[in-house]
Amino acid sequence: MARLRVAVLASGRGSNLRALHQASLEGDARFAVSLVIGNNSGAGALAYAREVGIPAVHMSGRTHPDPDELDEAMRAALVAHGTGLVVTAGYMKKLGPSTRGEFDSRIINVHPALLPRHGGKGMYGTAVHEAVLAAGDQVSGATVHFVTEEYDAGAIIARSEVPVLADDTVESLAERVLAAEHLLLPTVVQIIATRDAAPAEL
């Protein structure tokens, strides 16, 4: 049975890419990571992809100074690799209209908080966990949601909660949330892939 071809977009070290790829190697996995695109040529995500033999491409304002050309190049690369699902995991750029239009409802993102709280422009990395602690929240976690033209505004697919402890620091909370992301994201992708592979009802 054909597996869902997943492209991962990342800007940093790529820990969610690693978790997703490792899950794809399990015997019952219905998906495979078929392409990694990074907007940072030195990203750990690109290095990991090349290390394990996944096609990896650097695309950014440096490779394509015109935003529309970058958008079209990204769309074309995703199509050329037979992408069925796009996952943005620590990807720090908005996707262009051409890419969003081509993969409408087939782009998901993992966010390090329980949306709709602590989402939107600027809410990434340590800023998210700082906001959670400053708000006095008793729970945080990870959210997988659909990508739209607005940051973190797409429909929520799934969330995973973790407790916020009294002595938490940004670092300790971030570690706990990241562990939740590493479990939640592969689970959601597996569910999507399994649903896609199911025979249509007659």
C-alpha atoms as a PDB file:
ATOM      1  CA  MET A   1       0.000   0.000   0.000  1.00  0.00           C
ATOM      2  CA  ALA A   2       1.350   3.420  -0.973  1.00  0.00           C
ATOM      3  CA  ARG A   3       2.349   5.604   1.932  1.00  0.00           C
ATOM      4  CA  LEU A   4       1.441   9.259   2.312  1.00  0.00           C
ATOM      5  CA  ARG A   5       4.368  11.398   1.183  1.00  0.00           C
ATOM      6  CA  VAL A   6       5.071  14.081   3.783  1.00  0.00           C
ATOM      7  CA  ALA A   7       7.202  17.180   3.269  1.00  0.00           C
ATOM      8  CA  VAL A   8       8.584  18.909   6.357  1.00  0.00           C
ATOM      9  CA  LEU A   9       9.416  22.615   6.459  1.00  0.00           C
ATOM     10  CA  ALA A  10      11.797  23.629   9.231  1.00  0.00           C
ATOM     11  CA  SER A  11      14.066  26.494  10.209  1.00  0.00           C
ATOM     12  CA  GLY A  12      16.051  25.109  13.124  1.00  0.00           C
ATOM     13  CA  ARG A  13      17.471  21.953  14.608  1.00  0.00           C
ATOM     14  CA  GLY A  14      14.606  19.790  13.387  1.00  0.00           C
ATOM     15  CA  SER A  15      13.706  17.790  16.485  1.00  0.00           C
ATOM     16  CA  ASN A  16      10.120  17.345  15.280  1.00  0.00           C
ATOM     17  CA  LEU A  17      11.448  16.239  11.901  1.00  0.00           C
ATOM     18  CA  ARG A  18      13.524  13.605  13.677  1.00  0.00           C
ATOM     19  CA  ALA A  19      10.518  12.397  15.673  1.00  0.00           C
ATOM     20  CA  LEU A  20       8.377  12.254  12.543  1.00  0.00           C
ATOM     21  CA  HIS A  21      11.035  10.438  10.539  1.00  0.00           C
ATOM     22  CA  GLN A  22      11.676   7.899  13.293  1.00  0.00           C
ATOM     23  CA  ALA A  23       7.939   7.223  13.525  1.00  0.00           C
ATOM     24  CA  SER A  24       7.819   6.721   9.754  1.00  0.00           C
ATOM     25  CA  LEU A  25      10.268   3.836  10.116  1.00  0.00           C
ATOM     26  CA  GLU A  26       7.894   1.846  12.324  1.00  0.00           C
ATOM     27  CA  GLY A  27       6.364  -1.189  10.672  1.00  0.00           C
ATOM     28  CA  ASP A  28       2.804   0.103  10.759  1.00  0.00           C
ATOM     29  CA  ALA A  29       3.612   3.626   9.551  1.00  0.00           C
ATOM     30  CA  ARG A  30       1.400   4.790   6.716  1.00  0.00           C
ATOM     31  CA  PHE A  31       3.562   7.786   5.824  1.00  0.00           C
ATOM     32  CA  ALA A  32       7.103   8.610   4.733  1.00  0.00           C
ATOM     33  CA  VAL A  33       9.091  11.838   4.935  1.00  0.00           C
ATOM     34  CA  SER A  34       9.908  12.495   1.294  1.00  0.00           C
ATOM     35  CA  LEU A  35      11.275  16.064   1.347  1.00  0.00           C
ATOM     36  CA  VAL A  36      12.674  18.615   3.774  1.00  0.00           C
ATOM     37  CA  ILE A  37      12.756  22.317   2.945  1.00  0.00           C
ATOM     38  CA  GLY A  38      14.613  24.752   5.166  1.00  0.00           C
ATOM     39  CA  ASN A  39      14.914  28.528   4.945  1.00  0.00           C
ATOM     40  CA  ASN A  40      18.185  28.464   6.887  1.00  0.00           C
ATOM     41  CA  SER A  41      21.067  26.832   5.016  1.00  0.00           C
ATOM     42  CA  GLY A  42      22.719  25.872   8.307  1.00  0.00           C
ATOM     43  CA  ALA A  43      19.598  24.356   9.849  1.00  0.00           C
ATOM     44  CA  GLY A  44      20.037  21.129  11.736  1.00  0.00           C
ATOM     45  CA  ALA A  45      16.888  19.873  10.016  1.00  0.00           C
ATOM     46  CA  LEU A  46      18.581  20.005   6.606  1.00  0.00           C
ATOM     47  CA  ALA A  47      21.719  18.334   7.985  1.00  0.00           C
ATOM     48  CA  TYR A  48      19.653  15.525   9.517  1.00  0.00           C
ATOM     49  CA  ALA A  49      17.696  14.984   6.317  1.00  0.00           C
ATOM     50  CA  ARG A  50      20.872  14.655   4.275  1.00  0.00           C
ATOM     51  CA  GLU A  51      22.370  12.338   6.874  1.00  0.00           C
ATOM     52  CA  VAL A  52      19.450   9.904   6.596  1.00  0.00           C
ATOM     53  CA  GLY A  53      18.982  10.226   2.845  1.00  0.00           C
ATOM     54  CA  ILE A  54      15.886  12.431   2.663  1.00  0.00           C
ATOM     55  CA  PRO A  55      15.968  14.997  -0.181  1.00  0.00           C
ATOM     56  CA  ALA A  56      16.753  18.348   1.422  1.00  0.00           C
ATOM     57  CA  VAL A  57      16.502  21.792  -0.150  1.00  0.00           C
ATOM     58  CA  HIS A  58      17.429  25.246   1.096  1.00  0.00           C
ATOM     59  CA  MET A  59      14.946  27.865  -0.104  1.00  0.00           C
ATOM     60  CA  SER A  60      14.923  31.382   1.252  1.00  0.00           C
ATOM     61  CA  GLY A  61      15.249  35.028   0.333  1.00  0.00           C
ATOM     62  CA  ARG A  62      18.871  34.291  -0.463  1.00  0.00           C
ATOM     63  CA  THR A  63      18.073  31.662  -3.079  1.00  0.00           C
ATOM     64  CA  HIS A  64      14.976  33.470  -4.370  1.00  0.00           C
ATOM     65  CA  PRO A  65      15.059  37.226  -3.551  1.00  0.00           C
ATOM     66  CA  ASP A  66      11.602  37.758  -5.065  1.00  0.00           C
ATOM     67  CA  PRO A  67       8.912  36.466  -2.651  1.00  0.00           C
ATOM     68  CA  ASP A  68       6.620  35.349  -5.463  1.00  0.00           C
ATOM     69  CA  GLU A  69       9.420  33.387  -7.108  1.00  0.00           C
ATOM     70  CA  LEU A  70      10.252  31.766  -3.769  1.00  0.00           C
ATOM     71  CA  ASP A  71       6.619  30.825  -3.272  1.00  0.00           C
ATOM     72  CA  GLU A  72       6.369  29.305  -6.746  1.00  0.00           C
ATOM     73  CA  ALA A  73       9.679  27.439  -6.376  1.00  0.00           C
ATOM     74  CA  MET A  74       8.526  25.953  -3.097  1.00  0.00           C
ATOM     75  CA  ARG A  75       5.184  24.928  -4.576  1.00  0.00           C
ATOM     76  CA  ALA A  76       6.919  23.334  -7.551  1.00  0.00           C
ATOM     77  CA  ALA A  77       9.363  21.416  -5.338  1.00  0.00           C
ATOM     78  CA  LEU A  78       6.549  20.065  -3.182  1.00  0.00           C
ATOM     79  CA  VAL A  79       4.586  18.967  -6.240  1.00  0.00           C
ATOM     80  CA  ALA A  80       7.658  17.413  -7.878  1.00  0.00           C
ATOM     81  CA  HIS A  81       8.209  15.209  -4.820  1.00  0.00           C
ATOM     82  CA  GLY A  82       4.613  13.963  -4.841  1.00  0.00           C
ATOM     83  CA  THR A  83       3.782  15.643  -1.546  1.00  0.00           C
ATOM     84  CA  GLY A  84       0.460  14.661  -0.027  1.00  0.00           C
ATOM     85  CA  LEU A  85       0.868  16.529   3.260  1.00  0.00           C
ATOM     86  CA  VAL A  86       2.997  19.512   4.254  1.00  0.00           C
ATOM     87  CA  VAL A  87       4.129  19.797   7.873  1.00  0.00           C
ATOM     88  CA  THR A  88       5.594  23.051   9.168  1.00  0.00           C
ATOM     89  CA  ALA A  89       7.632  22.263  12.269  1.00  0.00           C
ATOM     90  CA  GLY A  90       9.554  25.187  13.661  1.00  0.00           C
ATOM     91  CA  TYR A  91       9.309  26.956  10.299  1.00  0.00           C
ATOM     92  CA  MET A  92       9.647  30.686  10.877  1.00  0.00           C
ATOM     93  CA  LYS A  93       8.168  32.007   7.632  1.00  0.00           C
ATOM     94  CA  LYS A  94       4.642  32.396   6.331  1.00  0.00           C
ATOM     95  CA  LEU A  95       3.827  30.281   3.311  1.00  0.00           C
ATOM     96  CA  GLY A  96       2.966  32.129   0.122  1.00  0.00           C
ATOM     97  CA  PRO A  97      -0.428  32.053  -1.598  1.00  0.00           C
ATOM     98  CA  SER A  98       0.725  29.748  -4.403  1.00  0.00           C
ATOM     99  CA  THR A  99       1.902  27.065  -1.987  1.00  0.00           C
ATOM    100  CA  ARG A 100      -1.139  27.456   0.264  1.00  0.00           C
ATOM    101  CA  GLY A 101      -3.453  27.299  -2.713  1.00  0.00           C
ATOM    102  CA  GLU A 102      -1.846  24.147  -4.112  1.00  0.00           C
ATOM    103  CA  PHE A 103      -2.012  22.334  -0.776  1.00  0.00           C
ATOM    104  CA  ASP A 104      -5.174  23.852   0.659  1.00  0.00           C
ATOM    105  CA  SER A 105      -6.222  21.881   3.786  1.00  0.00           C
ATOM    106  CA  ARG A 106      -3.096  19.722   3.383  1.00  0.00           C
ATOM    107  CA  ILE A 107      -0.735  21.895   5.455  1.00  0.00           C
ATOM    108  CA  ILE A 108      -0.453  21.435   9.211  1.00  0.00           C
ATOM    109  CA  ASN A 109       1.681  23.036  11.892  1.00  0.00           C
ATOM    110  CA  VAL A 110       2.744  22.057  15.389  1.00  0.00           C
ATOM    111  CA  HIS A 111       2.662  24.876  17.957  1.00  0.00           C
ATOM    112  CA  PRO A 112       4.214  24.768  21.463  1.00  0.00           C
ATOM    113  CA  ALA A 113       1.143  25.907  23.401  1.00  0.00           C
ATOM    114  CA  LEU A 114      -2.551  25.137  23.731  1.00  0.00           C
ATOM    115  CA  LEU A 115      -4.094  27.242  20.999  1.00  0.00           C
ATOM    116  CA  PRO A 116      -5.972  29.496  20.805  1.00  0.00           C
ATOM    117  CA  ARG A 117      -3.996  30.754  23.824  1.00  0.00           C
ATOM    118  CA  HIS A 118      -0.486  32.075  23.212  1.00  0.00           C
ATOM    119  CA  GLY A 119      -0.578  32.035  19.432  1.00  0.00           C
ATOM    120  CA  GLY A 120      -0.121  34.636  16.726  1.00  0.00           C
ATOM    121  CA  LYS A 121       2.719  36.780  15.444  1.00  0.00           C
ATOM    122  CA  GLY A 122       5.848  36.574  17.574  1.00  0.00           C
ATOM    123  CA  MET A 123       4.587  33.596  19.546  1.00  0.00           C
ATOM    124  CA  TYR A 124       7.333  31.069  18.913  1.00  0.00           C
ATOM    125  CA  GLY A 125      10.274  29.598  20.786  1.00  0.00           C
ATOM    126  CA  THR A 126      10.880  30.839  24.303  1.00  0.00           C
ATOM    127  CA  ALA A 127       8.383  33.700  23.878  1.00  0.00           C
ATOM    128  CA  VAL A 128       5.529  31.187  24.034  1.00  0.00           C
ATOM    129  CA  HIS A 129       6.690  29.595  27.288  1.00  0.00           C
ATOM    130  CA  GLU A 130       7.431  32.991  28.820  1.00  0.00           C
ATOM    131  CA  ALA A 131       3.849  33.998  28.054  1.00  0.00           C
ATOM    132  CA  VAL A 132       2.456  30.818  29.591  1.00  0.00           C
ATOM    133  CA  LEU A 133       4.422  31.344  32.815  1.00  0.00           C
ATOM    134  CA  ALA A 134       3.577  35.057  32.949  1.00  0.00           C
ATOM    135  CA  ALA A 135      -0.134  34.231  32.590  1.00  0.00           C
ATOM    136  CA  GLY A 136       0.008  31.784  35.486  1.00  0.00           C
ATOM    137  CA  ASP A 137      -1.455  28.979  33.390  1.00  0.00           C
ATOM    138  CA  GLN A 138      -1.657  25.622  35.128  1.00  0.00           C
ATOM    139  CA  VAL A 139      -1.466  23.645  31.886  1.00  0.00           C
ATOM    140  CA  SER A 140       0.328  24.084  28.600  1.00  0.00           C
ATOM    141  CA  GLY A 141       1.085  21.662  25.823  1.00  0.00           C
ATOM    142  CA  ALA A 142       1.224  21.220  22.057  1.00  0.00           C
ATOM    143  CA  THR A 143      -1.299  21.887  19.314  1.00  0.00           C
ATOM    144  CA  VAL A 144      -1.443  20.604  15.756  1.00  0.00           C
ATOM    145  CA  HIS A 145      -3.575  22.798  13.506  1.00  0.00           C
ATOM    146  CA  PHE A 146      -4.205  23.608   9.869  1.00  0.00           C
ATOM    147  CA  VAL A 147      -2.149  26.409   8.335  1.00  0.00           C
ATOM    148  CA  THR A 148      -3.870  29.514   6.961  1.00  0.00           C
ATOM    149  CA  GLU A 149      -2.636  32.931   5.925  1.00  0.00           C
ATOM    150  CA  GLU A 150      -2.710  34.086   9.561  1.00  0.00           C
ATOM    151  CA  TYR A 151      -0.288  32.824  12.211  1.00  0.00           C
ATOM    152  CA  ASP A 152      -1.738  29.992  14.322  1.00  0.00           C
ATOM    153  CA  ALA A 153      -5.304  30.774  13.241  1.00  0.00           C
ATOM    154  CA  GLY A 154      -6.226  27.557  11.422  1.00  0.00           C
ATOM    155  CA  ALA A 155      -8.646  24.977  12.766  1.00  0.00           C
ATOM    156  CA  ILE A 156      -7.254  22.862  15.596  1.00  0.00           C
ATOM    157  CA  ILE A 157      -6.751  19.184  14.805  1.00  0.00           C
ATOM    158  CA  ALA A 158      -5.452  17.892  18.141  1.00  0.00           C
ATOM    159  CA  ARG A 159      -3.889  19.086  21.385  1.00  0.00           C
ATOM    160  CA  SER A 160      -1.795  17.426  24.068  1.00  0.00           C
ATOM    161  CA  GLU A 161      -1.691  18.890  27.572  1.00  0.00           C
ATOM    162  CA  VAL A 162       1.227  18.975  29.994  1.00  0.00           C
ATOM    163  CA  PRO A 163       1.181  20.415  33.516  1.00  0.00           C
ATOM    164  CA  VAL A 164       2.866  23.688  34.353  1.00  0.00           C
ATOM    165  CA  LEU A 165       4.731  23.090  37.600  1.00  0.00           C
ATOM    166  CA  ALA A 166       5.206  25.633  40.352  1.00  0.00           C
ATOM    167  CA  ASP A 167       8.982  25.666  39.941  1.00  0.00           C
ATOM    168  CA  ASP A 168       9.004  25.630  36.138  1.00  0.00           C
ATOM    169  CA  THR A 169      11.434  27.752  34.211  1.00  0.00           C
ATOM    170  CA  VAL A 170      11.104  28.560  30.531  1.00  0.00           C
ATOM    171  CA  GLU A 171      13.641  25.826  29.842  1.00  0.00           C
ATOM    172  CA  SER A 172      11.975  23.101  31.903  1.00  0.00           C
ATOM    173  CA  LEU A 173       8.531  23.893  30.490  1.00  0.00           C
ATOM    174  CA  ALA A 174       9.902  23.991  26.947  1.00  0.00           C
ATOM    175  CA  GLU A 175      11.435  20.546  27.398  1.00  0.00           C
ATOM    176  CA  ARG A 176       8.163  19.056  28.616  1.00  0.00           C
ATOM    177  CA  VAL A 177       6.154  20.655  25.802  1.00  0.00           C
ATOM    178  CA  LEU A 178       8.657  19.524  23.181  1.00  0.00           C
ATOM    179  CA  ALA A 179       8.317  15.947  24.379  1.00  0.00           C
ATOM    180  CA  ALA A 180       4.558  16.285  23.893  1.00  0.00           C
ATOM    181  CA  GLU A 181       5.088  17.647  20.369  1.00  0.00           C
ATOM    182  CA  HIS A 182       7.271  14.649  19.502  1.00  0.00           C
ATOM    183  CA  LEU A 183       4.399  12.305  20.370  1.00  0.00           C
ATOM    184  CA  LEU A 184       1.477  14.351  19.085  1.00  0.00           C
ATOM    185  CA  LEU A 185       2.756  15.251  15.624  1.00  0.00           C
ATOM    186  CA  PRO A 186       3.543  11.700  14.415  1.00  0.00           C
ATOM    187  CA  THR A 187       0.226  10.503  15.846  1.00  0.00           C
ATOM    188  CA  VAL A 188      -1.725  13.109  13.898  1.00  0.00           C
ATOM    189  CA  VAL A 189       0.181  12.414  10.670  1.00  0.00           C
ATOM    190  CA  GLN A 190      -0.393   8.670  11.072  1.00  0.00           C
ATOM    191  CA  ILE A 191      -4.130   9.273  11.542  1.00  0.00           C
ATOM    192  CA  ILE A 192      -4.268  11.469   8.429  1.00  0.00           C
ATOM    193  CA  ALA A 193      -2.303   8.898   6.423  1.00  0.00           C
ATOM    194  CA  THR A 194      -4.499   6.043   7.611  1.00  0.00           C
ATOM    195  CA  ARG A 195      -7.648   7.971   6.762  1.00  0.00           C
ATOM    196  CA  ASP A 196      -6.300   8.730   3.277  1.00  0.00           C
ATOM    197  CA  ALA A 197      -5.502   5.070   2.704  1.00  0.00           C
ATOM    198  CA  ALA A 198      -8.959   3.838   3.739  1.00  0.00           C
ATOM    199  CA  PRO A 199     -11.221   2.716   0.903  1.00  0.00           C
ATOM    200  CA  ALA A 200     -14.015   5.090   0.030  1.00  0.00           C
ATOM    201  CA  GLU A 201     -17.467   4.156   1.251  1.00  0.00           C
ATOM    202  CA  LEU A 202     -19.754   2.966  -1.547  1.00  0.00           C
END
